[in-house]
Amino acid sequence: MAARTRRTQEERTTETRTALLNGAIEAVFRLGYAGATTPLIADEAGVSRGALTHHFESRADLMASVVTWVYEREVEQYASLTTGSDRGSRLSDWPELLWEVLSKPSGLAVLEILQASRSNADLAERVKPVQLAIEQASLEAVKVRFGGNERTRHAIVRLLVWAIRGLTIERVLVSNPEVVRDSVDMLRVLFERFAPDGAIENFVLD
């Protein structure tokens, strides 16, 4: 019989952290931030509560880590959706791309965490620097793809991301969720007219 390969300590740590992050996403998605208690997240992840506190010093620390971890997975998804084609080369491609990625349970869980940080000082202290770093990374990606000045890039990133995040909530509230796609299509059309050549080099906000 072949000898069983033993996992290294690093592999076990990574597996436990991943299980906890996925457990937190699932719990926040189903129950909202308030309902996703640390005992419930530990149960969802299939680990002990002691393991959770070993890897994350607080609930706020875990939730901030969720925001970072989800963003890293989202970057991979964008790469997968755009690699090998010219999709993503035009600004008007991005409402649909963002919708495909941000409307997933992980995106909705992050939105719950961001909203909770408004009234939770401990969470805000952890999440705000993470969110600022994510926004800066997004701005750099837009700069590389589309050029434009800094003020215009800020406006575009915030408009795209927060319009799509808002529509993910709207989809939950309407009787026919598919009609929300009309608004995604409207954003695409607006950006086609705003940047018909796909770039933003020649647009300057007054």
N, C-alpha and C. Protein backbone atom coordinates (compact mmCIF):
# COMPACT_ATOMS: atom_id res chain seq x y z
N MET A 1 0.84 -1.20 0.00
CA MET A 1 0.00 0.00 0.00
C MET A 1 0.87 1.25 0.00
N ALA A 2 0.45 2.23 -0.77
CA ALA A 2 1.20 3.48 -0.82
C ALA A 2 1.06 4.22 0.50
N ALA A 3 2.14 4.79 0.96
CA ALA A 3 2.11 5.53 2.21
C ALA A 3 1.28 6.80 2.05
N ARG A 4 0.48 7.11 3.06
CA ARG A 4 -0.32 8.33 3.01
C ARG A 4 0.59 9.54 3.16
N THR A 5 0.37 10.55 2.33
CA THR A 5 1.15 11.78 2.43
C THR A 5 0.58 12.64 3.55
N ARG A 6 1.42 12.98 4.50
CA ARG A 6 0.97 13.79 5.62
C ARG A 6 0.99 15.26 5.23
N ARG A 7 -0.05 15.97 5.61
CA ARG A 7 -0.09 17.40 5.33
C ARG A 7 0.89 18.14 6.22
N THR A 8 1.49 19.15 5.67
CA THR A 8 2.39 19.98 6.47
C THR A 8 1.56 20.91 7.36
N GLN A 9 2.22 21.49 8.35
CA GLN A 9 1.54 22.44 9.23
C GLN A 9 1.01 23.62 8.43
N GLU A 10 1.78 24.07 7.45
CA GLU A 10 1.34 25.20 6.61
C GLU A 10 0.08 24.84 5.83
N GLU A 11 0.03 23.61 5.31
CA GLU A 11 -1.15 23.17 4.57
C GLU A 11 -2.37 23.09 5.48
N ARG A 12 -2.18 22.58 6.69
CA ARG A 12 -3.30 22.50 7.64
C ARG A 12 -3.79 23.89 8.02
N THR A 13 -2.86 24.81 8.21
CA THR A 13 -3.23 26.19 8.55
C THR A 13 -4.02 26.83 7.42
N THR A 14 -3.55 26.64 6.19
CA THR A 14 -4.23 27.21 5.03
C THR A 14 -5.63 26.63 4.89
N GLU A 15 -5.75 25.31 5.07
CA GLU A 15 -7.05 24.67 4.95
C GLU A 15 -8.04 25.17 6.00
N THR A 16 -7.56 25.34 7.22
CA THR A 16 -8.43 25.81 8.30
C THR A 16 -8.87 27.25 8.06
N ARG A 17 -7.93 28.11 7.67
CA ARG A 17 -8.26 29.51 7.39
C ARG A 17 -9.26 29.61 6.22
N THR A 18 -9.03 28.81 5.20
CA THR A 18 -9.93 28.82 4.04
C THR A 18 -11.32 28.37 4.45
N ALA A 19 -11.41 27.33 5.26
CA ALA A 19 -12.70 26.84 5.74
C ALA A 19 -13.42 27.92 6.55
N LEU A 20 -12.68 28.65 7.38
CA LEU A 20 -13.28 29.70 8.20
C LEU A 20 -13.75 30.87 7.34
N LEU A 21 -12.95 31.24 6.35
CA LEU A 21 -13.35 32.34 5.46
C LEU A 21 -14.59 31.96 4.66
N ASN A 22 -14.60 30.74 4.13
CA ASN A 22 -15.78 30.28 3.40
C ASN A 22 -16.99 30.16 4.32
N GLY A 23 -16.75 29.71 5.55
CA GLY A 23 -17.84 29.60 6.52
C GLY A 23 -18.42 30.96 6.86
N ALA A 24 -17.55 31.96 6.98
CA ALA A 24 -18.01 33.31 7.27
C ALA A 24 -18.83 33.87 6.11
N ILE A 25 -18.36 33.64 4.89
CA ILE A 25 -19.09 34.11 3.71
C ILE A 25 -20.48 33.49 3.67
N GLU A 26 -20.56 32.20 3.87
CA GLU A 26 -21.85 31.51 3.83
C GLU A 26 -22.78 32.01 4.93
N ALA A 27 -22.23 32.18 6.14
CA ALA A 27 -23.06 32.62 7.26
C ALA A 27 -23.55 34.05 7.06
N VAL A 28 -22.67 34.95 6.61
CA VAL A 28 -23.08 36.34 6.38
C VAL A 28 -24.08 36.44 5.24
N PHE A 29 -23.86 35.65 4.20
CA PHE A 29 -24.78 35.66 3.06
C PHE A 29 -26.18 35.21 3.48
N ARG A 30 -26.26 34.19 4.30
CA ARG A 30 -27.56 33.64 4.70
C ARG A 30 -28.24 34.46 5.79
N LEU A 31 -27.43 34.94 6.76
CA LEU A 31 -28.01 35.50 7.98
C LEU A 31 -27.71 36.98 8.19
N GLY A 32 -26.91 37.58 7.30
CA GLY A 32 -26.51 38.97 7.52
C GLY A 32 -25.36 39.04 8.51
N TYR A 33 -24.78 40.22 8.62
CA TYR A 33 -23.63 40.38 9.51
C TYR A 33 -24.00 40.07 10.96
N ALA A 34 -25.10 40.62 11.43
CA ALA A 34 -25.49 40.45 12.83
C ALA A 34 -25.72 38.98 13.17
N GLY A 35 -26.27 38.23 12.24
CA GLY A 35 -26.58 36.83 12.51
C GLY A 35 -25.39 35.89 12.41
N ALA A 36 -24.32 36.35 11.78
CA ALA A 36 -23.14 35.49 11.57
C ALA A 36 -22.22 35.56 12.78
N THR A 37 -22.61 34.92 13.85
CA THR A 37 -21.81 34.91 15.07
C THR A 37 -20.60 34.00 14.90
N THR A 38 -19.59 34.20 15.73
CA THR A 38 -18.39 33.36 15.62
C THR A 38 -18.67 31.88 15.90
N PRO A 39 -19.51 31.53 16.89
CA PRO A 39 -19.82 30.10 17.05
C PRO A 39 -20.47 29.50 15.80
N LEU A 40 -21.38 30.25 15.19
CA LEU A 40 -22.05 29.75 13.99
C LEU A 40 -21.06 29.60 12.84
N ILE A 41 -20.15 30.56 12.69
CA ILE A 41 -19.14 30.48 11.63
C ILE A 41 -18.24 29.27 11.84
N ALA A 42 -17.83 29.04 13.07
CA ALA A 42 -16.99 27.87 13.36
C ALA A 42 -17.72 26.59 13.00
N ASP A 43 -19.00 26.50 13.36
CA ASP A 43 -19.79 25.31 13.01
C ASP A 43 -19.90 25.17 11.49
N GLU A 44 -20.13 26.29 10.81
CA GLU A 44 -20.25 26.28 9.36
C GLU A 44 -18.96 25.78 8.71
N ALA A 45 -17.83 26.15 9.31
CA ALA A 45 -16.52 25.77 8.77
C ALA A 45 -16.12 24.36 9.17
N GLY A 46 -16.81 23.79 10.15
CA GLY A 46 -16.47 22.45 10.62
C GLY A 46 -15.23 22.41 11.48
N VAL A 47 -14.97 23.51 12.20
CA VAL A 47 -13.80 23.57 13.08
C VAL A 47 -14.25 24.00 14.47
N SER A 48 -13.35 23.88 15.42
CA SER A 48 -13.70 24.28 16.79
C SER A 48 -13.67 25.80 16.92
N ARG A 49 -14.33 26.29 17.95
CA ARG A 49 -14.30 27.73 18.20
C ARG A 49 -12.91 28.18 18.60
N GLY A 50 -12.18 27.29 19.23
CA GLY A 50 -10.79 27.59 19.58
C GLY A 50 -9.93 27.79 18.35
N ALA A 51 -10.20 26.99 17.30
CA ALA A 51 -9.45 27.13 16.06
C ALA A 51 -9.72 28.49 15.43
N LEU A 52 -10.96 28.96 15.53
CA LEU A 52 -11.29 30.27 14.97
C LEU A 52 -10.50 31.37 15.68
N THR A 53 -10.50 31.34 17.01
CA THR A 53 -9.79 32.39 17.75
C THR A 53 -8.28 32.26 17.61
N HIS A 54 -7.81 31.07 17.28
CA HIS A 54 -6.38 30.89 17.03
C HIS A 54 -5.96 31.59 15.74
N HIS A 55 -6.81 31.53 14.71
CA HIS A 55 -6.47 32.10 13.41
C HIS A 55 -6.87 33.56 13.26
N PHE A 56 -7.91 33.97 13.98
CA PHE A 56 -8.40 35.34 13.87
C PHE A 56 -8.63 35.88 15.28
N GLU A 57 -8.00 36.99 15.60
CA GLU A 57 -8.03 37.47 16.98
C GLU A 57 -9.39 38.00 17.40
N SER A 58 -10.23 38.35 16.43
CA SER A 58 -11.56 38.86 16.75
C SER A 58 -12.49 38.63 15.56
N ARG A 59 -13.78 38.81 15.80
CA ARG A 59 -14.75 38.71 14.72
C ARG A 59 -14.48 39.76 13.66
N ALA A 60 -14.12 40.98 14.09
CA ALA A 60 -13.82 42.05 13.14
C ALA A 60 -12.61 41.70 12.29
N ASP A 61 -11.62 41.07 12.90
CA ASP A 61 -10.42 40.65 12.16
C ASP A 61 -10.79 39.62 11.10
N LEU A 62 -11.64 38.68 11.45
CA LEU A 62 -12.11 37.67 10.49
C LEU A 62 -12.86 38.34 9.35
N MET A 63 -13.75 39.27 9.65
CA MET A 63 -14.56 39.89 8.60
C MET A 63 -13.70 40.75 7.67
N ALA A 64 -12.72 41.45 8.21
CA ALA A 64 -11.81 42.21 7.36
C ALA A 64 -11.02 41.28 6.46
N SER A 65 -10.64 40.13 6.99
CA SER A 65 -9.93 39.14 6.18
C SER A 65 -10.82 38.58 5.08
N VAL A 66 -12.11 38.45 5.36
CA VAL A 66 -13.06 38.01 4.33
C VAL A 66 -13.07 39.00 3.17
N VAL A 67 -13.09 40.30 3.47
CA VAL A 67 -13.12 41.32 2.42
C VAL A 67 -11.90 41.20 1.52
N THR A 68 -10.73 41.05 2.14
CA THR A 68 -9.49 40.90 1.36
C THR A 68 -9.51 39.61 0.55
N TRP A 69 -9.89 38.52 1.17
CA TRP A 69 -9.84 37.21 0.53
C TRP A 69 -10.80 37.15 -0.66
N VAL A 70 -12.00 37.71 -0.48
CA VAL A 70 -12.97 37.73 -1.57
C VAL A 70 -12.44 38.56 -2.72
N TYR A 71 -11.86 39.72 -2.42
CA TYR A 71 -11.32 40.56 -3.49
C TYR A 71 -10.25 39.81 -4.29
N GLU A 72 -9.37 39.09 -3.60
CA GLU A 72 -8.33 38.33 -4.31
C GLU A 72 -8.94 37.27 -5.22
N ARG A 73 -10.01 36.61 -4.77
CA ARG A 73 -10.70 35.64 -5.62
C ARG A 73 -11.40 36.34 -6.79
N GLU A 74 -11.93 37.52 -6.54
CA GLU A 74 -12.61 38.26 -7.61
C GLU A 74 -11.63 38.67 -8.71
N VAL A 75 -10.44 39.07 -8.31
CA VAL A 75 -9.41 39.42 -9.31
C VAL A 75 -9.12 38.21 -10.20
N GLU A 76 -9.04 37.04 -9.60
CA GLU A 76 -8.82 35.82 -10.37
C GLU A 76 -9.99 35.57 -11.33
N GLN A 77 -11.22 35.83 -10.87
CA GLN A 77 -12.39 35.63 -11.73
C GLN A 77 -12.38 36.60 -12.91
N TYR A 78 -12.02 37.86 -12.66
CA TYR A 78 -11.93 38.82 -13.76
C TYR A 78 -10.90 38.37 -14.79
N ALA A 79 -9.77 37.88 -14.30
CA ALA A 79 -8.73 37.40 -15.22
C ALA A 79 -9.24 36.23 -16.05
N SER A 80 -9.97 35.32 -15.40
CA SER A 80 -10.51 34.17 -16.11
C SER A 80 -11.53 34.58 -17.17
N LEU A 81 -12.33 35.59 -16.85
CA LEU A 81 -13.38 36.04 -17.77
C LEU A 81 -12.84 36.83 -18.95
N THR A 82 -11.64 37.40 -18.82
CA THR A 82 -11.11 38.28 -19.87
C THR A 82 -9.92 37.71 -20.62
N THR A 83 -9.25 36.72 -20.05
CA THR A 83 -8.05 36.16 -20.69
C THR A 83 -8.43 35.42 -21.97
N GLY A 84 -7.66 35.65 -23.02
CA GLY A 84 -7.88 34.95 -24.28
C GLY A 84 -8.90 35.58 -25.18
N SER A 85 -9.39 36.75 -24.82
CA SER A 85 -10.34 37.47 -25.67
C SER A 85 -10.12 38.96 -25.47
N ASP A 86 -10.87 39.77 -26.23
CA ASP A 86 -10.75 41.21 -26.03
C ASP A 86 -11.79 41.73 -25.05
N ARG A 87 -12.51 40.81 -24.41
CA ARG A 87 -13.48 41.23 -23.40
C ARG A 87 -12.75 41.92 -22.25
N GLY A 88 -13.24 43.05 -21.84
CA GLY A 88 -12.59 43.82 -20.79
C GLY A 88 -11.71 44.91 -21.32
N SER A 89 -11.49 44.93 -22.64
CA SER A 89 -10.62 45.95 -23.23
C SER A 89 -11.34 47.28 -23.41
N ARG A 90 -12.68 47.26 -23.33
CA ARG A 90 -13.48 48.47 -23.45
C ARG A 90 -14.16 48.75 -22.11
N LEU A 91 -14.26 50.01 -21.78
CA LEU A 91 -14.89 50.38 -20.51
C LEU A 91 -16.31 49.84 -20.42
N SER A 92 -17.01 49.81 -21.55
CA SER A 92 -18.40 49.36 -21.56
C SER A 92 -18.56 47.87 -21.29
N ASP A 93 -17.45 47.11 -21.28
CA ASP A 93 -17.52 45.69 -20.93
C ASP A 93 -17.72 45.48 -19.43
N TRP A 94 -17.37 46.48 -18.63
CA TRP A 94 -17.21 46.24 -17.21
C TRP A 94 -18.50 46.22 -16.38
N PRO A 95 -19.58 46.89 -16.78
CA PRO A 95 -20.81 46.66 -16.01
C PRO A 95 -21.21 45.19 -15.97
N GLU A 96 -21.14 44.51 -17.12
CA GLU A 96 -21.50 43.09 -17.17
C GLU A 96 -20.49 42.23 -16.41
N LEU A 97 -19.21 42.52 -16.55
CA LEU A 97 -18.18 41.75 -15.85
C LEU A 97 -18.34 41.89 -14.33
N LEU A 98 -18.54 43.11 -13.88
CA LEU A 98 -18.73 43.34 -12.45
C LEU A 98 -19.98 42.63 -11.95
N TRP A 99 -21.05 42.68 -12.74
CA TRP A 99 -22.28 42.01 -12.34
C TRP A 99 -22.06 40.51 -12.18
N GLU A 100 -21.36 39.89 -13.11
CA GLU A 100 -21.11 38.45 -13.04
C GLU A 100 -20.36 38.07 -11.77
N VAL A 101 -19.48 38.94 -11.32
CA VAL A 101 -18.64 38.61 -10.16
C VAL A 101 -19.25 39.10 -8.85
N LEU A 102 -19.69 40.34 -8.79
CA LEU A 102 -20.14 40.93 -7.53
C LEU A 102 -21.52 40.44 -7.10
N SER A 103 -22.31 39.89 -8.03
CA SER A 103 -23.65 39.42 -7.66
C SER A 103 -23.64 38.02 -7.06
N LYS A 104 -22.46 37.42 -6.91
CA LYS A 104 -22.35 36.11 -6.28
C LYS A 104 -22.51 36.24 -4.77
N PRO A 105 -22.80 35.12 -4.07
CA PRO A 105 -22.93 35.19 -2.62
C PRO A 105 -21.76 35.85 -1.91
N SER A 106 -20.56 35.63 -2.40
CA SER A 106 -19.39 36.24 -1.76
C SER A 106 -19.44 37.76 -1.86
N GLY A 107 -19.89 38.28 -3.02
CA GLY A 107 -20.01 39.72 -3.19
C GLY A 107 -21.06 40.31 -2.28
N LEU A 108 -22.18 39.62 -2.11
CA LEU A 108 -23.24 40.08 -1.23
C LEU A 108 -22.80 40.03 0.23
N ALA A 109 -22.00 39.01 0.58
CA ALA A 109 -21.48 38.93 1.94
C ALA A 109 -20.56 40.10 2.25
N VAL A 110 -19.71 40.45 1.30
CA VAL A 110 -18.82 41.60 1.49
C VAL A 110 -19.64 42.87 1.65
N LEU A 111 -20.68 43.04 0.86
CA LEU A 111 -21.52 44.22 0.97
C LEU A 111 -22.15 44.30 2.36
N GLU A 112 -22.58 43.17 2.91
CA GLU A 112 -23.13 43.15 4.27
C GLU A 112 -22.09 43.63 5.28
N ILE A 113 -20.85 43.18 5.10
CA ILE A 113 -19.77 43.57 6.02
C ILE A 113 -19.48 45.07 5.91
N LEU A 114 -19.42 45.58 4.69
CA LEU A 114 -19.15 47.00 4.48
C LEU A 114 -20.26 47.85 5.09
N GLN A 115 -21.49 47.44 4.92
CA GLN A 115 -22.61 48.19 5.50
C GLN A 115 -22.56 48.16 7.02
N ALA A 116 -22.20 47.02 7.59
CA ALA A 116 -22.13 46.90 9.05
C ALA A 116 -21.06 47.80 9.64
N SER A 117 -20.01 48.07 8.87
CA SER A 117 -18.90 48.90 9.39
C SER A 117 -19.33 50.34 9.64
N ARG A 118 -20.44 50.75 9.04
CA ARG A 118 -20.92 52.13 9.24
C ARG A 118 -21.25 52.40 10.71
N SER A 119 -21.78 51.40 11.40
CA SER A 119 -22.23 51.59 12.78
C SER A 119 -21.44 50.75 13.78
N ASN A 120 -20.35 50.14 13.33
CA ASN A 120 -19.54 49.30 14.20
C ASN A 120 -18.10 49.81 14.14
N ALA A 121 -17.68 50.54 15.18
CA ALA A 121 -16.38 51.21 15.17
C ALA A 121 -15.23 50.22 15.06
N ASP A 122 -15.34 49.10 15.77
CA ASP A 122 -14.27 48.10 15.74
C ASP A 122 -14.13 47.51 14.35
N LEU A 123 -15.25 47.20 13.73
CA LEU A 123 -15.24 46.65 12.37
C LEU A 123 -14.72 47.69 11.39
N ALA A 124 -15.17 48.94 11.53
CA ALA A 124 -14.73 50.00 10.62
C ALA A 124 -13.22 50.19 10.69
N GLU A 125 -12.66 50.11 11.88
CA GLU A 125 -11.22 50.28 12.06
C GLU A 125 -10.43 49.23 11.27
N ARG A 126 -10.98 48.03 11.16
CA ARG A 126 -10.31 46.96 10.42
C ARG A 126 -10.62 47.01 8.92
N VAL A 127 -11.86 47.35 8.59
CA VAL A 127 -12.31 47.23 7.20
C VAL A 127 -11.89 48.43 6.35
N LYS A 128 -11.92 49.63 6.91
CA LYS A 128 -11.64 50.83 6.10
C LYS A 128 -10.27 50.77 5.41
N PRO A 129 -9.19 50.43 6.11
CA PRO A 129 -7.89 50.35 5.41
C PRO A 129 -7.89 49.28 4.32
N VAL A 130 -8.57 48.18 4.57
CA VAL A 130 -8.66 47.10 3.57
C VAL A 130 -9.40 47.61 2.34
N GLN A 131 -10.54 48.26 2.55
CA GLN A 131 -11.33 48.76 1.43
C GLN A 131 -10.58 49.84 0.65
N LEU A 132 -9.84 50.69 1.33
CA LEU A 132 -9.05 51.72 0.66
C LEU A 132 -7.97 51.09 -0.21
N ALA A 133 -7.33 50.03 0.31
CA ALA A 133 -6.29 49.33 -0.46
C ALA A 133 -6.89 48.67 -1.69
N ILE A 134 -8.08 48.09 -1.55
CA ILE A 134 -8.76 47.45 -2.68
C ILE A 134 -9.12 48.50 -3.74
N GLU A 135 -9.64 49.64 -3.29
CA GLU A 135 -9.99 50.68 -4.24
C GLU A 135 -8.75 51.19 -4.98
N GLN A 136 -7.64 51.33 -4.26
CA GLN A 136 -6.41 51.80 -4.90
C GLN A 136 -5.92 50.80 -5.94
N ALA A 137 -6.02 49.51 -5.63
CA ALA A 137 -5.63 48.49 -6.60
C ALA A 137 -6.52 48.54 -7.83
N SER A 138 -7.81 48.78 -7.63
CA SER A 138 -8.74 48.90 -8.76
C SER A 138 -8.41 50.12 -9.61
N LEU A 139 -8.07 51.22 -8.96
CA LEU A 139 -7.70 52.44 -9.69
C LEU A 139 -6.46 52.23 -10.54
N GLU A 140 -5.50 51.49 -10.00
CA GLU A 140 -4.29 51.19 -10.77
C GLU A 140 -4.61 50.34 -11.99
N ALA A 141 -5.52 49.38 -11.81
CA ALA A 141 -5.91 48.52 -12.94
C ALA A 141 -6.61 49.33 -14.02
N VAL A 142 -7.47 50.27 -13.62
CA VAL A 142 -8.15 51.13 -14.58
C VAL A 142 -7.14 52.03 -15.30
N LYS A 143 -6.18 52.53 -14.57
CA LYS A 143 -5.15 53.38 -15.17
C LYS A 143 -4.40 52.64 -16.27
N VAL A 144 -4.03 51.40 -15.99
CA VAL A 144 -3.29 50.60 -16.97
C VAL A 144 -4.15 50.32 -18.20
N ARG A 145 -5.42 49.98 -17.98
CA ARG A 145 -6.28 49.60 -19.10
C ARG A 145 -6.78 50.79 -19.91
N PHE A 146 -7.15 51.88 -19.19
CA PHE A 146 -7.92 52.93 -19.85
C PHE A 146 -7.33 54.33 -19.77
N GLY A 147 -6.27 54.51 -19.01
CA GLY A 147 -5.67 55.84 -18.90
C GLY A 147 -6.56 56.79 -18.13
N GLY A 148 -6.60 58.05 -18.58
CA GLY A 148 -7.42 59.04 -17.92
C GLY A 148 -6.75 59.66 -16.71
N ASN A 149 -7.31 60.76 -16.24
CA ASN A 149 -6.72 61.40 -15.06
C ASN A 149 -7.28 60.79 -13.78
N GLU A 150 -6.64 61.11 -12.68
CA GLU A 150 -6.96 60.45 -11.40
C GLU A 150 -8.41 60.71 -10.97
N ARG A 151 -8.87 61.93 -11.11
CA ARG A 151 -10.23 62.24 -10.68
C ARG A 151 -11.26 61.46 -11.49
N THR A 152 -11.04 61.37 -12.79
CA THR A 152 -11.97 60.62 -13.64
C THR A 152 -11.97 59.14 -13.28
N ARG A 153 -10.78 58.59 -13.03
CA ARG A 153 -10.69 57.16 -12.65
C ARG A 153 -11.45 56.90 -11.36
N HIS A 154 -11.28 57.78 -10.37
CA HIS A 154 -12.01 57.62 -9.12
C HIS A 154 -13.52 57.60 -9.36
N ALA A 155 -13.98 58.54 -10.16
CA ALA A 155 -15.42 58.64 -10.42
C ALA A 155 -15.95 57.38 -11.10
N ILE A 156 -15.20 56.88 -12.07
CA ILE A 156 -15.63 55.71 -12.82
C ILE A 156 -15.66 54.46 -11.94
N VAL A 157 -14.59 54.25 -11.18
CA VAL A 157 -14.52 53.06 -10.32
C VAL A 157 -15.66 53.06 -9.31
N ARG A 158 -15.88 54.21 -8.67
CA ARG A 158 -16.93 54.26 -7.65
C ARG A 158 -18.32 54.11 -8.27
N LEU A 159 -18.53 54.74 -9.41
CA LEU A 159 -19.82 54.61 -10.08
C LEU A 159 -20.10 53.17 -10.47
N LEU A 160 -19.13 52.53 -11.10
CA LEU A 160 -19.33 51.15 -11.54
C LEU A 160 -19.54 50.20 -10.37
N VAL A 161 -18.63 50.23 -9.42
CA VAL A 161 -18.68 49.26 -8.32
C VAL A 161 -19.94 49.44 -7.49
N TRP A 162 -20.25 50.70 -7.13
CA TRP A 162 -21.37 50.89 -6.21
C TRP A 162 -22.72 50.84 -6.90
N ALA A 163 -22.76 51.15 -8.17
CA ALA A 163 -24.00 50.93 -8.92
C ALA A 163 -24.31 49.44 -8.98
N ILE A 164 -23.32 48.64 -9.29
CA ILE A 164 -23.54 47.19 -9.37
C ILE A 164 -23.84 46.60 -8.00
N ARG A 165 -23.15 47.04 -6.97
CA ARG A 165 -23.45 46.54 -5.62
C ARG A 165 -24.89 46.88 -5.24
N GLY A 166 -25.32 48.09 -5.55
CA GLY A 166 -26.69 48.47 -5.25
C GLY A 166 -27.70 47.60 -5.99
N LEU A 167 -27.39 47.27 -7.23
CA LEU A 167 -28.30 46.45 -8.02
C LEU A 167 -28.38 45.02 -7.48
N THR A 168 -27.32 44.55 -6.83
CA THR A 168 -27.39 43.21 -6.24
C THR A 168 -28.41 43.17 -5.10
N ILE A 169 -28.57 44.31 -4.41
CA ILE A 169 -29.61 44.38 -3.37
C ILE A 169 -30.98 44.48 -4.01
N GLU A 170 -31.09 45.31 -5.03
CA GLU A 170 -32.37 45.48 -5.73
C GLU A 170 -32.89 44.14 -6.25
N ARG A 171 -31.99 43.29 -6.72
CA ARG A 171 -32.41 42.00 -7.26
C ARG A 171 -33.14 41.15 -6.22
N VAL A 172 -32.77 41.32 -4.95
CA VAL A 172 -33.42 40.57 -3.88
C VAL A 172 -34.83 41.10 -3.62
N LEU A 173 -35.06 42.39 -3.90
CA LEU A 173 -36.30 43.04 -3.51
C LEU A 173 -37.41 42.98 -4.56
N VAL A 174 -37.03 42.83 -5.84
CA VAL A 174 -38.05 42.86 -6.89
C VAL A 174 -38.64 41.47 -7.10
N SER A 175 -39.86 41.45 -7.66
CA SER A 175 -40.54 40.16 -7.87
C SER A 175 -39.92 39.37 -9.02
N ASN A 176 -39.35 40.07 -10.00
CA ASN A 176 -38.70 39.42 -11.13
C ASN A 176 -37.24 39.87 -11.18
N PRO A 177 -36.33 39.11 -10.58
CA PRO A 177 -34.92 39.53 -10.49
C PRO A 177 -34.28 39.81 -11.83
N GLU A 178 -34.76 39.16 -12.90
CA GLU A 178 -34.12 39.34 -14.20
C GLU A 178 -34.25 40.75 -14.75
N VAL A 179 -35.25 41.51 -14.28
CA VAL A 179 -35.41 42.87 -14.80
C VAL A 179 -34.26 43.78 -14.37
N VAL A 180 -33.55 43.38 -13.32
CA VAL A 180 -32.42 44.18 -12.86
C VAL A 180 -31.32 44.22 -13.91
N ARG A 181 -31.26 43.17 -14.73
CA ARG A 181 -30.26 43.15 -15.80
C ARG A 181 -30.44 44.31 -16.78
N ASP A 182 -31.67 44.84 -16.88
CA ASP A 182 -31.90 45.99 -17.75
C ASP A 182 -31.05 47.18 -17.30
N SER A 183 -30.91 47.33 -16.00
CA SER A 183 -30.10 48.44 -15.48
C SER A 183 -28.62 48.22 -15.76
N VAL A 184 -28.18 46.96 -15.68
CA VAL A 184 -26.79 46.63 -16.04
C VAL A 184 -26.55 46.98 -17.51
N ASP A 185 -27.51 46.60 -18.35
CA ASP A 185 -27.41 46.92 -19.78
C ASP A 185 -27.40 48.43 -20.02
N MET A 186 -28.19 49.17 -19.23
CA MET A 186 -28.22 50.62 -19.37
C MET A 186 -26.85 51.22 -19.04
N LEU A 187 -26.20 50.71 -18.00
CA LEU A 187 -24.85 51.18 -17.68
C LEU A 187 -23.90 50.91 -18.83
N ARG A 188 -24.03 49.74 -19.44
CA ARG A 188 -23.17 49.41 -20.58
C ARG A 188 -23.37 50.42 -21.71
N VAL A 189 -24.63 50.72 -22.01
CA VAL A 189 -24.92 51.67 -23.09
C VAL A 189 -24.38 53.06 -22.76
N LEU A 190 -24.54 53.48 -21.53
CA LEU A 190 -24.03 54.79 -21.12
C LEU A 190 -22.52 54.88 -21.28
N PHE A 191 -21.82 53.81 -20.92
CA PHE A 191 -20.36 53.83 -21.05
C PHE A 191 -19.93 53.70 -22.51
N GLU A 192 -20.72 53.05 -23.33
CA GLU A 192 -20.42 53.01 -24.76
C GLU A 192 -20.46 54.42 -25.34
N ARG A 193 -21.43 55.22 -24.88
CA ARG A 193 -21.55 56.58 -25.39
C ARG A 193 -20.51 57.51 -24.75
N PHE A 194 -20.21 57.25 -23.50
CA PHE A 194 -19.23 58.06 -22.77
C PHE A 194 -17.83 57.85 -23.31
N ALA A 195 -17.50 56.59 -23.64
CA ALA A 195 -16.15 56.26 -24.12
C ALA A 195 -16.28 55.34 -25.32
N PRO A 196 -16.70 55.88 -26.48
CA PRO A 196 -16.95 55.03 -27.66
C PRO A 196 -15.71 54.29 -28.16
N ASP A 197 -14.52 54.82 -27.88
CA ASP A 197 -13.30 54.13 -28.30
C ASP A 197 -12.80 53.18 -27.22
N GLY A 198 -13.53 53.10 -26.11
CA GLY A 198 -13.17 52.16 -25.05
C GLY A 198 -12.28 52.72 -23.98
N ALA A 199 -11.65 53.90 -24.23
CA ALA A 199 -10.72 54.49 -23.27
C ALA A 199 -11.30 55.78 -22.69
N ILE A 200 -10.58 56.39 -21.76
CA ILE A 200 -11.07 57.61 -21.12
C ILE A 200 -10.03 58.73 -21.15
N GLU A 201 -9.03 58.58 -21.98
CA GLU A 201 -7.93 59.55 -22.03
C GLU A 201 -8.42 60.98 -22.26
N ASN A 202 -9.43 61.15 -23.09
CA ASN A 202 -9.83 62.50 -23.50
C ASN A 202 -10.95 63.09 -22.65
N PHE A 203 -11.35 62.38 -21.60
CA PHE A 203 -12.45 62.89 -20.76
C PHE A 203 -11.89 63.49 -19.48
N VAL A 204 -12.29 64.73 -19.17
CA VAL A 204 -11.84 65.41 -17.96
C VAL A 204 -13.07 65.99 -17.25
N LEU A 205 -13.23 65.70 -15.97
CA LEU A 205 -14.32 66.29 -15.21
C LEU A 205 -14.05 67.78 -14.98
N ASP A 206 -15.07 68.60 -15.11
CA ASP A 206 -14.93 70.04 -14.84
C ASP A 206 -14.77 70.28 -13.34
